[in-house]
Amino acid sequence: MMSTSYRHLTINEREKIMILLAQGKKQAEIAKALGRSSST
């Protein structure tokens, strides 16, 4: 059985997401900027 490791978003990542959302960025663009999956 494969084990998947999950990581919570850090405070810095959350702040960056809020800034990018305010700039009108799309979910996929934000995920790419953070180096995360767009489903995170």
PDB file of N, CA and C in Angstrom:
ATOM      1  N   MET A   1       0.844  -1.167   0.000  1.00  0.00           N
ATOM      2  CA  MET A   1       0.000   0.000   0.000  1.00  0.00           C
ATOM      3  C   MET A   1       0.898   1.241   0.000  1.00  0.00           C
ATOM      4  N   MET A   2       0.555   2.207  -0.853  1.00  0.00           N
ATOM      5  CA  MET A   2       1.356   3.421  -0.944  1.00  0.00           C
ATOM      6  C   MET A   2       0.896   4.433   0.102  1.00  0.00           C
ATOM      7  N   SER A   3       1.855   5.065   0.713  1.00  0.00           N
ATOM      8  CA  SER A   3       1.564   6.082   1.719  1.00  0.00           C
ATOM      9  C   SER A   3       1.776   7.460   1.115  1.00  0.00           C
ATOM     10  N   THR A   4       0.816   8.353   1.317  1.00  0.00           N
ATOM     11  CA  THR A   4       0.928   9.711   0.815  1.00  0.00           C
ATOM     12  C   THR A   4       1.150  10.642   1.991  1.00  0.00           C
ATOM     13  N   SER A   5       2.127  11.529   1.849  1.00  0.00           N
ATOM     14  CA  SER A   5       2.428  12.481   2.906  1.00  0.00           C
ATOM     15  C   SER A   5       1.760  13.815   2.590  1.00  0.00           C
ATOM     16  N   TYR A   6       1.046  14.355   3.565  1.00  0.00           N
ATOM     17  CA  TYR A   6       0.358  15.628   3.377  1.00  0.00           C
ATOM     18  C   TYR A   6       0.991  16.680   4.270  1.00  0.00           C
ATOM     19  N   ARG A   7       0.960  17.921   3.796  1.00  0.00           N
ATOM     20  CA  ARG A   7       1.491  19.046   4.562  1.00  0.00           C
ATOM     21  C   ARG A   7       0.456  20.148   4.585  1.00  0.00           C
ATOM     22  N   HIS A   8       0.243  20.732   5.740  1.00  0.00           N
ATOM     23  CA  HIS A   8      -0.668  21.865   5.830  1.00  0.00           C
ATOM     24  C   HIS A   8      -0.016  23.086   5.198  1.00  0.00           C
ATOM     25  N   LEU A   9      -0.846  24.031   4.785  1.00  0.00           N
ATOM     26  CA  LEU A   9      -0.325  25.292   4.272  1.00  0.00           C
ATOM     27  C   LEU A   9       0.257  26.095   5.430  1.00  0.00           C
ATOM     28  N   THR A  10       1.391  26.740   5.176  1.00  0.00           N
ATOM     29  CA  THR A  10       1.993  27.581   6.207  1.00  0.00           C
ATOM     30  C   THR A  10       1.294  28.937   6.223  1.00  0.00           C
ATOM     31  N   ILE A  11       1.552  29.702   7.263  1.00  0.00           N
ATOM     32  CA  ILE A  11       0.989  31.053   7.355  1.00  0.00           C
ATOM     33  C   ILE A  11       1.458  31.880   6.156  1.00  0.00           C
ATOM     34  N   ASN A  12       2.728  31.762   5.795  1.00  0.00           N
ATOM     35  CA  ASN A  12       3.258  32.516   4.653  1.00  0.00           C
ATOM     36  C   ASN A  12       2.553  32.133   3.360  1.00  0.00           C
ATOM     37  N   GLU A  13       2.290  30.839   3.174  1.00  0.00           N
ATOM     38  CA  GLU A  13       1.584  30.391   1.975  1.00  0.00           C
ATOM     39  C   GLU A  13       0.164  30.939   1.954  1.00  0.00           C
ATOM     40  N   ARG A  14      -0.489  30.939   3.107  1.00  0.00           N
ATOM     41  CA  ARG A  14      -1.858  31.470   3.189  1.00  0.00           C
ATOM     42  C   ARG A  14      -1.890  32.961   2.851  1.00  0.00           C
ATOM     43  N   GLU A  15      -0.895  33.701   3.354  1.00  0.00           N
ATOM     44  CA  GLU A  15      -0.819  35.136   3.057  1.00  0.00           C
ATOM     45  C   GLU A  15      -0.604  35.369   1.568  1.00  0.00           C
ATOM     46  N   LYS A  16       0.278  34.568   0.973  1.00  0.00           N
ATOM     47  CA  LYS A  16       0.554  34.701  -0.458  1.00  0.00           C
ATOM     48  C   LYS A  16      -0.704  34.392  -1.270  1.00  0.00           C
ATOM     49  N   ILE A  17      -1.462  33.379  -0.850  1.00  0.00           N
ATOM     50  CA  ILE A  17      -2.712  33.027  -1.530  1.00  0.00           C
ATOM     51  C   ILE A  17      -3.682  34.203  -1.484  1.00  0.00           C
ATOM     52  N   MET A  18      -3.808  34.835  -0.316  1.00  0.00           N
ATOM     53  CA  MET A  18      -4.727  35.975  -0.190  1.00  0.00           C
ATOM     54  C   MET A  18      -4.314  37.118  -1.115  1.00  0.00           C
ATOM     55  N   ILE A  19      -3.016  37.378  -1.196  1.00  0.00           N
ATOM     56  CA  ILE A  19      -2.517  38.445  -2.072  1.00  0.00           C
ATOM     57  C   ILE A  19      -2.802  38.111  -3.533  1.00  0.00           C
ATOM     58  N   LEU A  20      -2.504  36.881  -3.934  1.00  0.00           N
ATOM     59  CA  LEU A  20      -2.709  36.475  -5.326  1.00  0.00           C
ATOM     60  C   LEU A  20      -4.189  36.464  -5.690  1.00  0.00           C
ATOM     61  N   LEU A  21      -5.046  36.049  -4.768  1.00  0.00           N
ATOM     62  CA  LEU A  21      -6.491  36.088  -5.018  1.00  0.00           C
ATOM     63  C   LEU A  21      -6.962  37.531  -5.203  1.00  0.00           C
ATOM     64  N   ALA A  22      -6.430  38.438  -4.382  1.00  0.00           N
ATOM     65  CA  ALA A  22      -6.796  39.855  -4.480  1.00  0.00           C
ATOM     66  C   ALA A  22      -6.351  40.443  -5.815  1.00  0.00           C
ATOM     67  N   GLN A  23      -5.296  39.864  -6.396  1.00  0.00           N
ATOM     68  CA  GLN A  23      -4.799  40.311  -7.702  1.00  0.00           C
ATOM     69  C   GLN A  23      -5.573  39.669  -8.848  1.00  0.00           C
ATOM     70  N   GLY A  24      -6.526  38.804  -8.510  1.00  0.00           N
ATOM     71  CA  GLY A  24      -7.353  38.170  -9.527  1.00  0.00           C
ATOM     72  C   GLY A  24      -6.743  36.935 -10.165  1.00  0.00           C
ATOM     73  N   LYS A  25      -5.744  36.347  -9.509  1.00  0.00           N
ATOM     74  CA  LYS A  25      -5.104  35.145 -10.052  1.00  0.00           C
ATOM     75  C   LYS A  25      -6.036  33.950  -9.927  1.00  0.00           C
ATOM     76  N   LYS A  26      -5.897  33.018 -10.847  1.00  0.00           N
ATOM     77  CA  LYS A  26      -6.704  31.802 -10.837  1.00  0.00           C
ATOM     78  C   LYS A  26      -6.056  30.752  -9.940  1.00  0.00           C
ATOM     79  N   GLN A  27      -6.875  29.790  -9.523  1.00  0.00           N
ATOM     80  CA  GLN A  27      -6.413  28.741  -8.618  1.00  0.00           C
ATOM     81  C   GLN A  27      -5.177  28.024  -9.159  1.00  0.00           C
ATOM     82  N   ALA A  28      -5.168  27.695 -10.436  1.00  0.00           N
ATOM     83  CA  ALA A  28      -4.034  26.981 -11.025  1.00  0.00           C
ATOM     84  C   ALA A  28      -2.769  27.837 -11.006  1.00  0.00           C
ATOM     85  N   GLU A  29      -2.921  29.144 -11.224  1.00  0.00           N
ATOM     86  CA  GLU A  29      -1.768  30.052 -11.202  1.00  0.00           C
ATOM     87  C   GLU A  29      -1.189  30.162  -9.792  1.00  0.00           C
ATOM     88  N   ILE A  30      -2.068  30.211  -8.815  1.00  0.00           N
ATOM     89  CA  ILE A  30      -1.635  30.303  -7.420  1.00  0.00           C
ATOM     90  C   ILE A  30      -0.903  29.021  -7.022  1.00  0.00           C
ATOM     91  N   ALA A  31      -1.459  27.886  -7.386  1.00  0.00           N
ATOM     92  CA  ALA A  31      -0.838  26.601  -7.063  1.00  0.00           C
ATOM     93  C   ALA A  31       0.552  26.507  -7.674  1.00  0.00           C
ATOM     94  N   LYS A  32       0.688  26.948  -8.910  1.00  0.00           N
ATOM     95  CA  LYS A  32       1.986  26.906  -9.583  1.00  0.00           C
ATOM     96  C   LYS A  32       2.985  27.815  -8.871  1.00  0.00           C
ATOM     97  N   ALA A  33       2.545  29.002  -8.463  1.00  0.00           N
ATOM     98  CA  ALA A  33       3.414  29.952  -7.765  1.00  0.00           C
ATOM     99  C   ALA A  33       3.889  29.389  -6.423  1.00  0.00           C
ATOM    100  N   LEU A  34       3.040  28.581  -5.779  1.00  0.00           N
ATOM    101  CA  LEU A  34       3.388  27.997  -4.482  1.00  0.00           C
ATOM    102  C   LEU A  34       4.088  26.647  -4.611  1.00  0.00           C
ATOM    103  N   GLY A  35       4.085  26.091  -5.813  1.00  0.00           N
ATOM    104  CA  GLY A  35       4.661  24.764  -5.996  1.00  0.00           C
ATOM    105  C   GLY A  35       3.801  23.685  -5.363  1.00  0.00           C
ATOM    106  N   ARG A  36       2.484  23.896  -5.380  1.00  0.00           N
ATOM    107  CA  ARG A  36       1.518  22.973  -4.779  1.00  0.00           C
ATOM    108  C   ARG A  36       0.536  22.486  -5.826  1.00  0.00           C
ATOM    109  N   SER A  37      -0.171  21.425  -5.481  1.00  0.00           N
ATOM    110  CA  SER A  37      -1.249  20.933  -6.329  1.00  0.00           C
ATOM    111  C   SER A  37      -2.391  21.937  -6.302  1.00  0.00           C
ATOM    112  N   SER A  38      -3.066  22.101  -7.415  1.00  0.00           N
ATOM    113  CA  SER A  38      -4.186  23.046  -7.454  1.00  0.00           C
ATOM    114  C   SER A  38      -5.382  22.552  -6.644  1.00  0.00           C
ATOM    115  N   SER A  39      -5.349  21.297  -6.212  1.00  0.00           N
ATOM    116  CA  SER A  39      -6.445  20.777  -5.389  1.00  0.00           C
ATOM    117  C   SER A  39      -6.201  20.998  -3.897  1.00  0.00           C
ATOM    118  N   THR A  40      -5.070  21.611  -3.564  1.00  0.00           N
ATOM    119  CA  THR A  40      -4.736  21.854  -2.148  1.00  0.00           C
ATOM    120  C   THR A  40      -5.630  22.908  -1.560  1.00  0.00           C
TER     121      THR A  40
END
